[in-house]
Amino acid sequence: GRSRRRRGNHLHCTIQMDFAEPAET
């Protein structure tokens, strides 16, 4: 039958962090 609505595209990005930043939220 008639085509169903398709889900949109996923997007990707990169987040740069300093070495010690993951020590905290």
PDB file of all heavy atoms in Angstrom:
ATOM      1  N   GLY A   1       0.814  -1.196   0.000  1.00  0.00           N
ATOM      2  CA  GLY A   1       0.000   0.000   0.000  1.00  0.00           C
ATOM      3  C   GLY A   1       0.846   1.243   0.000  1.00  0.00           C
ATOM      4  O   GLY A   1       2.007   1.228  -0.367  1.00  0.00           O
ATOM      5  N   ARG A   2       0.271   2.356   0.416  1.00  0.00           N
ATOM      6  CA  ARG A   2       0.967   3.623   0.440  1.00  0.00           C
ATOM      7  C   ARG A   2       2.130   3.561   1.414  1.00  0.00           C
ATOM      8  O   ARG A   2       2.020   3.003   2.503  1.00  0.00           O
ATOM      9  CB  ARG A   2      -0.017   4.718   0.852  1.00  0.00           C
ATOM     10  CG  ARG A   2       0.539   6.114   0.688  1.00  0.00           C
ATOM     11  CD  ARG A   2      -0.552   7.137   0.917  1.00  0.00           C
ATOM     12  NE  ARG A   2      -1.632   6.975  -0.057  1.00  0.00           N
ATOM     13  CZ  ARG A   2      -2.705   7.743  -0.077  1.00  0.00           C
ATOM     14  NH1 ARG A   2      -2.862   8.696   0.809  1.00  0.00           N
ATOM     15  NH2 ARG A   2      -3.648   7.529  -0.972  1.00  0.00           N
ATOM     16  N   SER A   3       3.271   4.098   1.040  1.00  0.00           N
ATOM     17  CA  SER A   3       4.476   3.989   1.867  1.00  0.00           C
ATOM     18  C   SER A   3       4.285   4.702   3.194  1.00  0.00           C
ATOM     19  O   SER A   3       3.702   5.771   3.271  1.00  0.00           O
ATOM     20  CB  SER A   3       5.676   4.588   1.128  1.00  0.00           C
ATOM     21  OG  SER A   3       5.436   5.956   0.836  1.00  0.00           O
ATOM     22  N   ARG A   4       4.808   4.084   4.261  1.00  0.00           N
ATOM     23  CA  ARG A   4       4.690   4.679   5.583  1.00  0.00           C
ATOM     24  C   ARG A   4       5.754   5.752   5.756  1.00  0.00           C
ATOM     25  O   ARG A   4       6.721   5.808   5.020  1.00  0.00           O
ATOM     26  CB  ARG A   4       4.868   3.594   6.647  1.00  0.00           C
ATOM     27  CG  ARG A   4       6.212   2.908   6.605  1.00  0.00           C
ATOM     28  CD  ARG A   4       6.237   1.739   7.541  1.00  0.00           C
ATOM     29  NE  ARG A   4       7.520   1.062   7.478  1.00  0.00           N
ATOM     30  CZ  ARG A   4       7.782  -0.069   8.113  1.00  0.00           C
ATOM     31  NH1 ARG A   4       6.854  -0.644   8.835  1.00  0.00           N
ATOM     32  NH2 ARG A   4       8.963  -0.622   8.017  1.00  0.00           N
ATOM     33  N   ARG A   5       5.580   6.588   6.763  1.00  0.00           N
ATOM     34  CA  ARG A   5       6.544   7.653   7.010  1.00  0.00           C
ATOM     35  C   ARG A   5       7.869   7.053   7.461  1.00  0.00           C
ATOM     36  O   ARG A   5       7.904   6.166   8.299  1.00  0.00           O
ATOM     37  CB  ARG A   5       6.014   8.606   8.078  1.00  0.00           C
ATOM     38  CG  ARG A   5       4.784   9.381   7.617  1.00  0.00           C
ATOM     39  CD  ARG A   5       4.489  10.525   8.573  1.00  0.00           C
ATOM     40  NE  ARG A   5       3.285  11.239   8.201  1.00  0.00           N
ATOM     41  CZ  ARG A   5       3.241  12.164   7.264  1.00  0.00           C
ATOM     42  NH1 ARG A   5       4.332  12.453   6.595  1.00  0.00           N
ATOM     43  NH2 ARG A   5       2.122  12.782   6.978  1.00  0.00           N
ATOM     44  N   ARG A   6       8.936   7.568   6.883  1.00  0.00           N
ATOM     45  CA  ARG A   6      10.253   7.052   7.212  1.00  0.00           C
ATOM     46  C   ARG A   6      10.905   7.898   8.295  1.00  0.00           C
ATOM     47  O   ARG A   6      10.697   9.107   8.358  1.00  0.00           O
ATOM     48  CB  ARG A   6      11.138   7.037   5.958  1.00  0.00           C
ATOM     49  CG  ARG A   6      10.656   6.111   4.871  1.00  0.00           C
ATOM     50  CD  ARG A   6      11.483   6.307   3.622  1.00  0.00           C
ATOM     51  NE  ARG A   6      11.315   7.655   3.081  1.00  0.00           N
ATOM     52  CZ  ARG A   6      12.135   8.210   2.198  1.00  0.00           C
ATOM     53  NH1 ARG A   6      13.189   7.541   1.785  1.00  0.00           N
ATOM     54  NH2 ARG A   6      11.904   9.419   1.738  1.00  0.00           N
ATOM     55  N   ARG A   7      11.707   7.228   9.106  1.00  0.00           N
ATOM     56  CA  ARG A   7      12.427   7.961  10.131  1.00  0.00           C
ATOM     57  C   ARG A   7      13.555   8.759   9.482  1.00  0.00           C
ATOM     58  O   ARG A   7      14.152   8.337   8.503  1.00  0.00           O
ATOM     59  CB  ARG A   7      13.015   6.991  11.154  1.00  0.00           C
ATOM     60  CG  ARG A   7      13.561   7.703  12.381  1.00  0.00           C
ATOM     61  CD  ARG A   7      14.096   6.731  13.387  1.00  0.00           C
ATOM     62  NE  ARG A   7      14.445   7.424  14.610  1.00  0.00           N
ATOM     63  CZ  ARG A   7      15.124   6.878  15.595  1.00  0.00           C
ATOM     64  NH1 ARG A   7      15.530   5.635  15.504  1.00  0.00           N
ATOM     65  NH2 ARG A   7      15.411   7.573  16.688  1.00  0.00           N
ATOM     66  N   GLY A   8      13.859   9.920  10.047  1.00  0.00           N
ATOM     67  CA  GLY A   8      14.878  10.791   9.482  1.00  0.00           C
ATOM     68  C   GLY A   8      16.290  10.271   9.657  1.00  0.00           C
ATOM     69  O   GLY A   8      16.533   9.282  10.362  1.00  0.00           O
ATOM     70  N   ASN A   9      17.223  10.961   9.016  1.00  0.00           N
ATOM     71  CA  ASN A   9      18.620  10.559   9.061  1.00  0.00           C
ATOM     72  C   ASN A   9      19.238  10.823  10.431  1.00  0.00           C
ATOM     73  O   ASN A   9      18.914  11.811  11.098  1.00  0.00           O
ATOM     74  CB  ASN A   9      19.433  11.335   8.010  1.00  0.00           C
ATOM     75  CG  ASN A   9      18.979  11.033   6.600  1.00  0.00           C
ATOM     76  OD1 ASN A   9      18.630   9.900   6.289  1.00  0.00           O
ATOM     77  ND2 ASN A   9      18.954  12.039   5.748  1.00  0.00           N
ATOM     78  N   HIS A  10      20.154   9.924  10.834  1.00  0.00           N
ATOM     79  CA  HIS A  10      20.953  10.177  12.019  1.00  0.00           C
ATOM     80  C   HIS A  10      22.065  11.158  11.660  1.00  0.00           C
ATOM     81  O   HIS A  10      22.570  11.169  10.525  1.00  0.00           O
ATOM     82  CB  HIS A  10      21.584   8.884  12.540  1.00  0.00           C
ATOM     83  CG  HIS A  10      20.575   7.866  13.001  1.00  0.00           C
ATOM     84  ND1 HIS A  10      19.489   8.200  13.782  1.00  0.00           N
ATOM     85  CD2 HIS A  10      20.495   6.520  12.812  1.00  0.00           C
ATOM     86  CE1 HIS A  10      18.782   7.110  14.043  1.00  0.00           C
ATOM     87  NE2 HIS A  10      19.369   6.084  13.453  1.00  0.00           N
ATOM     88  N   LEU A  11      22.469  11.963  12.610  1.00  0.00           N
ATOM     89  CA  LEU A  11      23.579  12.894  12.422  1.00  0.00           C
ATOM     90  C   LEU A  11      24.723  12.506  13.362  1.00  0.00           C
ATOM     91  O   LEU A  11      24.505  11.872  14.396  1.00  0.00           O
ATOM     92  CB  LEU A  11      23.133  14.330  12.709  1.00  0.00           C
ATOM     93  CG  LEU A  11      22.070  14.912  11.775  1.00  0.00           C
ATOM     94  CD1 LEU A  11      21.724  16.330  12.197  1.00  0.00           C
ATOM     95  CD2 LEU A  11      22.550  14.900  10.326  1.00  0.00           C
ATOM     96  N   HIS A  12      25.937  12.909  12.987  1.00  0.00           N
ATOM     97  CA  HIS A  12      27.118  12.587  13.787  1.00  0.00           C
ATOM     98  C   HIS A  12      27.965  13.841  13.982  1.00  0.00           C
ATOM     99  O   HIS A  12      28.062  14.683  13.093  1.00  0.00           O
ATOM    100  CB  HIS A  12      27.953  11.505  13.095  1.00  0.00           C
ATOM    101  CG  HIS A  12      27.229  10.208  12.923  1.00  0.00           C
ATOM    102  ND1 HIS A  12      27.329   9.167  13.825  1.00  0.00           N
ATOM    103  CD2 HIS A  12      26.363   9.792  11.959  1.00  0.00           C
ATOM    104  CE1 HIS A  12      26.579   8.167  13.412  1.00  0.00           C
ATOM    105  NE2 HIS A  12      25.978   8.518  12.285  1.00  0.00           N
ATOM    106  N   CYS A  13      28.568  13.941  15.149  1.00  0.00           N
ATOM    107  CA  CYS A  13      29.484  15.042  15.428  1.00  0.00           C
ATOM    108  C   CYS A  13      30.577  14.541  16.369  1.00  0.00           C
ATOM    109  O   CYS A  13      30.483  13.436  16.914  1.00  0.00           O
ATOM    110  CB  CYS A  13      28.756  16.238  16.047  1.00  0.00           C
ATOM    111  SG  CYS A  13      28.206  15.956  17.755  1.00  0.00           S
ATOM    112  N   THR A  14      31.620  15.338  16.540  1.00  0.00           N
ATOM    113  CA  THR A  14      32.718  14.990  17.444  1.00  0.00           C
ATOM    114  C   THR A  14      32.836  16.063  18.516  1.00  0.00           C
ATOM    115  O   THR A  14      32.802  17.261  18.209  1.00  0.00           O
ATOM    116  CB  THR A  14      34.048  14.880  16.672  1.00  0.00           C
ATOM    117  OG1 THR A  14      33.934  13.857  15.685  1.00  0.00           O
ATOM    118  CG2 THR A  14      35.193  14.526  17.611  1.00  0.00           C
ATOM    119  N   ILE A  15      32.967  15.642  19.768  1.00  0.00           N
ATOM    120  CA  ILE A  15      33.171  16.570  20.887  1.00  0.00           C
ATOM    121  C   ILE A  15      34.573  16.373  21.428  1.00  0.00           C
ATOM    122  O   ILE A  15      34.931  15.276  21.865  1.00  0.00           O
ATOM    123  CB  ILE A  15      32.126  16.343  21.996  1.00  0.00           C
ATOM    124  CG1 ILE A  15      30.716  16.624  21.466  1.00  0.00           C
ATOM    125  CG2 ILE A  15      32.427  17.226  23.205  1.00  0.00           C
ATOM    126  CD1 ILE A  15      29.619  16.405  22.477  1.00  0.00           C
ATOM    127  N   GLN A  16      35.379  17.435  21.399  1.00  0.00           N
ATOM    128  CA  GLN A  16      36.759  17.372  21.876  1.00  0.00           C
ATOM    129  C   GLN A  16      36.802  17.673  23.372  1.00  0.00           C
ATOM    130  O   GLN A  16      36.158  18.607  23.847  1.00  0.00           O
ATOM    131  CB  GLN A  16      37.619  18.383  21.108  1.00  0.00           C
ATOM    132  CG  GLN A  16      39.103  18.221  21.321  1.00  0.00           C
ATOM    133  CD  GLN A  16      39.647  16.951  20.671  1.00  0.00           C
ATOM    134  OE1 GLN A  16      39.254  16.597  19.562  1.00  0.00           O
ATOM    135  NE2 GLN A  16      40.527  16.251  21.375  1.00  0.00           N
ATOM    136  N   MET A  17      37.565  16.871  24.119  1.00  0.00           N
ATOM    137  CA  MET A  17      37.694  17.069  25.557  1.00  0.00           C
ATOM    138  C   MET A  17      39.164  16.992  25.962  1.00  0.00           C
ATOM    139  O   MET A  17      39.945  16.226  25.385  1.00  0.00           O
ATOM    140  CB  MET A  17      36.904  16.005  26.339  1.00  0.00           C
ATOM    141  CG  MET A  17      35.422  15.984  26.063  1.00  0.00           C
ATOM    142  SD  MET A  17      34.533  14.781  27.111  1.00  0.00           S
ATOM    143  CE  MET A  17      34.585  15.632  28.705  1.00  0.00           C
ATOM    144  N   ASP A  18      39.539  17.791  26.976  1.00  0.00           N
ATOM    145  CA  ASP A  18      40.867  17.669  27.554  1.00  0.00           C
ATOM    146  C   ASP A  18      40.944  16.388  28.370  1.00  0.00           C
ATOM    147  O   ASP A  18      39.921  15.844  28.803  1.00  0.00           O
ATOM    148  CB  ASP A  18      41.177  18.874  28.449  1.00  0.00           C
ATOM    149  CG  ASP A  18      41.326  20.158  27.638  1.00  0.00           C
ATOM    150  OD1 ASP A  18      41.679  20.059  26.452  1.00  0.00           O
ATOM    151  OD2 ASP A  18      41.077  21.248  28.200  1.00  0.00           O
ATOM    152  N   PHE A  19      42.166  15.926  28.631  1.00  0.00           N
ATOM    153  CA  PHE A  19      42.363  14.625  29.268  1.00  0.00           C
ATOM    154  C   PHE A  19      41.614  14.507  30.587  1.00  0.00           C
ATOM    155  O   PHE A  19      40.989  13.474  30.871  1.00  0.00           O
ATOM    156  CB  PHE A  19      43.866  14.395  29.505  1.00  0.00           C
ATOM    157  CG  PHE A  19      44.181  13.059  30.107  1.00  0.00           C
ATOM    158  CD1 PHE A  19      44.369  11.933  29.301  1.00  0.00           C
ATOM    159  CD2 PHE A  19      44.291  12.902  31.490  1.00  0.00           C
ATOM    160  CE1 PHE A  19      44.654  10.696  29.862  1.00  0.00           C
ATOM    161  CE2 PHE A  19      44.572  11.668  32.050  1.00  0.00           C
ATOM    162  CZ  PHE A  19      44.750  10.565  31.236  1.00  0.00           C
ATOM    163  N   ALA A  20      41.669  15.535  31.433  1.00  0.00           N
ATOM    164  CA  ALA A  20      41.112  15.444  32.784  1.00  0.00           C
ATOM    165  C   ALA A  20      39.626  15.787  32.860  1.00  0.00           C
ATOM    166  O   ALA A  20      38.996  15.559  33.897  1.00  0.00           O
ATOM    167  CB  ALA A  20      41.897  16.349  33.739  1.00  0.00           C
ATOM    168  N   GLU A  21      39.033  16.312  31.783  1.00  0.00           N
ATOM    169  CA  GLU A  21      37.627  16.734  31.847  1.00  0.00           C
ATOM    170  C   GLU A  21      36.659  15.606  32.189  1.00  0.00           C
ATOM    171  O   GLU A  21      35.677  15.837  32.907  1.00  0.00           O
ATOM    172  CB  GLU A  21      37.223  17.401  30.535  1.00  0.00           C
ATOM    173  CG  GLU A  21      37.736  18.818  30.389  1.00  0.00           C
ATOM    174  CD  GLU A  21      37.146  19.531  29.188  1.00  0.00           C
ATOM    175  OE1 GLU A  21      37.413  19.091  28.054  1.00  0.00           O
ATOM    176  OE2 GLU A  21      36.410  20.522  29.384  1.00  0.00           O
ATOM    177  N   PRO A  22      36.881  14.364  31.716  1.00  0.00           N
ATOM    178  CA  PRO A  22      35.946  13.293  32.086  1.00  0.00           C
ATOM    179  C   PRO A  22      35.938  12.947  33.568  1.00  0.00           C
ATOM    180  O   PRO A  22      35.146  12.108  34.001  1.00  0.00           O
ATOM    181  CB  PRO A  22      36.443  12.099  31.248  1.00  0.00           C
ATOM    182  CG  PRO A  22      37.142  12.706  30.090  1.00  0.00           C
ATOM    183  CD  PRO A  22      37.820  13.912  30.661  1.00  0.00           C
ATOM    184  N   ALA A  23      36.798  13.577  34.365  1.00  0.00           N
ATOM    185  CA  ALA A  23      36.777  13.334  35.813  1.00  0.00           C
ATOM    186  C   ALA A  23      35.490  13.861  36.443  1.00  0.00           C
ATOM    187  O   ALA A  23      35.101  13.446  37.538  1.00  0.00           O
ATOM    188  CB  ALA A  23      37.987  13.987  36.488  1.00  0.00           C
ATOM    189  N   GLU A  24      34.804  14.760  35.749  1.00  0.00           N
ATOM    190  CA  GLU A  24      33.554  15.323  36.250  1.00  0.00           C
ATOM    191  C   GLU A  24      32.545  15.419  35.102  1.00  0.00           C
ATOM    192  O   GLU A  24      32.910  15.433  33.929  1.00  0.00           O
ATOM    193  CB  GLU A  24      33.788  16.721  36.834  1.00  0.00           C
ATOM    194  CG  GLU A  24      34.732  16.740  38.034  1.00  0.00           C
ATOM    195  CD  GLU A  24      34.984  18.150  38.532  1.00  0.00           C
ATOM    196  OE1 GLU A  24      34.605  19.109  37.824  1.00  0.00           O
ATOM    197  OE2 GLU A  24      35.557  18.296  39.620  1.00  0.00           O
ATOM    198  N   THR A  25      31.276  15.497  35.454  1.00  0.00           N
ATOM    199  CA  THR A  25      30.228  15.696  34.448  1.00  0.00           C
ATOM    200  C   THR A  25      30.443  17.036  33.756  1.00  0.00           C
ATOM    201  O   THR A  25      30.722  18.042  34.421  1.00  0.00           O
ATOM    202  CB  THR A  25      28.835  15.660  35.105  1.00  0.00           C
ATOM    203  OG1 THR A  25      28.636  14.385  35.711  1.00  0.00           O
ATOM    204  CG2 THR A  25      27.741  15.886  34.074  1.00  0.00           C
TER     205      THR A  25
END
